[in-house]
């Protein structure tokens, strides 16, 4: 019985950390997806959006994804694919950025530490993409 709870704990921890790994995986994917969209000659925007906390057990409250006129880019096993809808339900605030603006907000740590970015109007709290 003890091994069962250890395995459940390890699997739970892996799932918790693998979601967006504190935003690093999502941020990496969105930059790769933006580069891919640019290579394809597509107009794109980077969309940061709020998601319901219950969907992630309260671990994070937002996601970032690339949107083009062909649809949302979703990374699956390292390969970009188009979807009609975003990866997560978008509930609440959304921010639409070009690459320069998104990078500027990342440099200022606006998606994680809002004390320095109140003027940006980003209402998230906690871990973000």
Protein backbone atom coordinates (compact mmCIF):
# COMPACT_ATOMS: atom_id res chain seq x y z
CA UNK A 1 0.00 0.00 0.00
CA UNK A 2 2.86 2.36 0.80
CA UNK A 3 4.32 2.00 -2.70
CA UNK A 4 0.96 2.86 -4.22
CA UNK A 5 0.91 6.27 -2.48
CA UNK A 6 4.54 6.92 -3.40
CA UNK A 7 3.79 6.25 -7.05
CA UNK A 8 0.67 8.41 -6.94
CA UNK A 9 2.70 11.19 -5.32
CA UNK A 10 5.48 11.01 -7.90
CA UNK A 11 3.03 10.94 -10.81
CA UNK A 12 1.11 13.86 -9.30
CA UNK A 13 4.30 15.88 -8.87
CA UNK A 14 5.33 15.16 -12.46
CA UNK A 15 1.94 16.26 -13.77
CA UNK A 16 2.05 19.41 -11.67
CA UNK A 17 5.49 20.35 -12.94
CA UNK A 18 4.91 19.36 -16.54
CA UNK A 19 1.92 21.64 -17.15
CA UNK A 20 3.87 24.71 -18.10
CA UNK A 21 6.74 24.19 -15.68
CA UNK A 22 6.18 27.61 -14.20
CA UNK A 23 5.75 29.09 -17.63
CA UNK A 24 9.10 28.14 -19.13
CA UNK A 25 7.76 25.45 -21.45
CA UNK A 26 4.90 27.64 -22.66
CA UNK A 27 7.19 30.60 -23.23
CA UNK A 28 9.62 28.43 -25.17
CA UNK A 29 6.82 26.94 -27.27
CA UNK A 30 5.27 30.30 -28.08
CA UNK A 31 8.62 31.68 -29.29
CA UNK A 32 9.20 28.58 -31.44
CA UNK A 33 5.64 28.78 -32.79
CA UNK A 34 6.03 32.49 -33.59
CA UNK A 35 9.27 31.76 -35.46
CA UNK A 36 7.56 28.94 -37.37
CA UNK A 37 4.62 31.21 -38.29
CA UNK A 38 7.07 33.85 -39.53
CA UNK A 39 8.90 31.20 -41.61
CA UNK A 40 5.55 30.23 -43.17
CA UNK A 41 4.89 33.88 -44.05
CA UNK A 42 1.85 34.07 -41.77
CA UNK A 43 0.69 37.13 -39.89
CA UNK A 44 0.50 36.21 -36.21
CA UNK A 45 -0.01 37.57 -32.76
CA UNK A 46 0.99 36.25 -29.37
CA UNK A 47 -2.02 35.87 -27.11
CA UNK A 48 -1.70 35.65 -23.32
CA UNK A 49 -5.01 34.65 -21.78
CA UNK A 50 -6.55 33.74 -18.46
CA UNK A 51 -7.77 30.21 -17.90
CA UNK A 52 -10.02 28.84 -15.16
CA UNK A 53 -7.88 27.85 -12.17
CA UNK A 54 -9.90 24.69 -11.59
CA UNK A 55 -8.57 23.33 -14.89
CA UNK A 56 -5.04 23.37 -13.51
CA UNK A 57 -5.87 22.67 -9.87
CA UNK A 58 -4.84 26.26 -9.12
CA UNK A 59 -1.23 25.72 -10.23
CA UNK A 60 -1.28 28.47 -12.87
CA UNK A 61 -3.90 30.89 -14.14
CA UNK A 62 -2.86 31.74 -17.67
CA UNK A 63 -1.48 30.45 -20.94
CA UNK A 64 0.27 31.90 -23.96
CA UNK A 65 -0.26 30.82 -27.54
CA UNK A 66 0.27 32.03 -31.12
CA UNK A 67 -2.78 32.88 -33.20
CA UNK A 68 -2.74 33.27 -36.99
CA UNK A 69 -5.39 33.73 -39.64
CA UNK A 70 -5.20 29.93 -40.18
CA UNK A 71 -5.98 29.25 -36.51
CA UNK A 72 -4.27 28.73 -33.19
CA UNK A 73 -0.86 27.08 -33.24
CA UNK A 74 -0.61 24.22 -30.79
CA UNK A 75 2.62 22.36 -30.17
CA UNK A 76 2.24 18.60 -30.02
CA UNK A 77 5.34 16.47 -29.39
CA UNK A 78 7.48 19.38 -30.56
CA UNK A 79 5.63 19.94 -33.83
CA UNK A 80 3.37 22.93 -34.54
CA UNK A 81 -0.17 22.19 -35.69
CA UNK A 82 -3.20 24.38 -36.36
CA UNK A 83 -6.34 24.19 -34.25
CA UNK A 84 -9.62 26.04 -34.55
CA UNK A 85 -9.67 26.87 -30.86
CA UNK A 86 -7.10 27.71 -28.21
CA UNK A 87 -5.55 24.95 -26.10
CA UNK A 88 -7.48 26.07 -23.00
CA UNK A 89 -10.81 27.77 -22.43
CA UNK A 90 -10.19 31.51 -22.43
CA UNK A 91 -11.95 32.97 -19.41
CA UNK A 92 -11.35 36.57 -18.55
CA UNK A 93 -8.50 38.80 -19.58
CA UNK A 94 -6.57 38.43 -22.85
CA UNK A 95 -3.57 40.32 -24.13
CA UNK A 96 -2.63 40.39 -27.83
CA UNK A 97 0.97 41.30 -28.61
CA UNK A 98 3.45 41.44 -31.42
CA UNK A 99 6.83 39.81 -30.77
CA UNK A 100 8.56 43.04 -29.74
CA UNK A 101 5.90 43.98 -27.20
CA UNK A 102 5.75 40.46 -25.76
CA UNK A 103 9.54 40.34 -25.35
CA UNK A 104 9.48 43.76 -23.68
CA UNK A 105 6.90 42.56 -21.15
CA UNK A 106 8.93 39.39 -20.49
CA UNK A 107 12.07 41.44 -19.85
CA UNK A 108 10.13 43.47 -17.28
CA UNK A 109 8.82 40.22 -15.72
CA UNK A 110 5.27 41.51 -16.18
CA UNK A 111 3.60 38.11 -16.32
CA UNK A 112 5.06 36.93 -13.01
CA UNK A 113 5.74 40.00 -10.86
CA UNK A 114 3.00 42.55 -11.32
CA UNK A 115 4.27 45.13 -8.85
CA UNK A 116 6.44 46.71 -11.54
CA UNK A 117 3.84 46.41 -14.29
CA UNK A 118 0.63 47.86 -12.90
CA UNK A 119 0.67 50.39 -15.73
CA UNK A 120 0.40 47.55 -18.26
CA UNK A 121 -3.06 46.49 -17.08
CA UNK A 122 -2.14 42.82 -16.66
CA UNK A 123 -4.41 41.46 -13.93
CA UNK A 124 -2.87 38.01 -13.43
CA UNK A 125 -1.59 36.73 -10.14
CA UNK A 126 0.62 33.71 -9.59
CA UNK A 127 2.41 31.59 -12.14
CA UNK A 128 1.87 32.52 -15.76
CA UNK A 129 3.19 31.49 -19.12
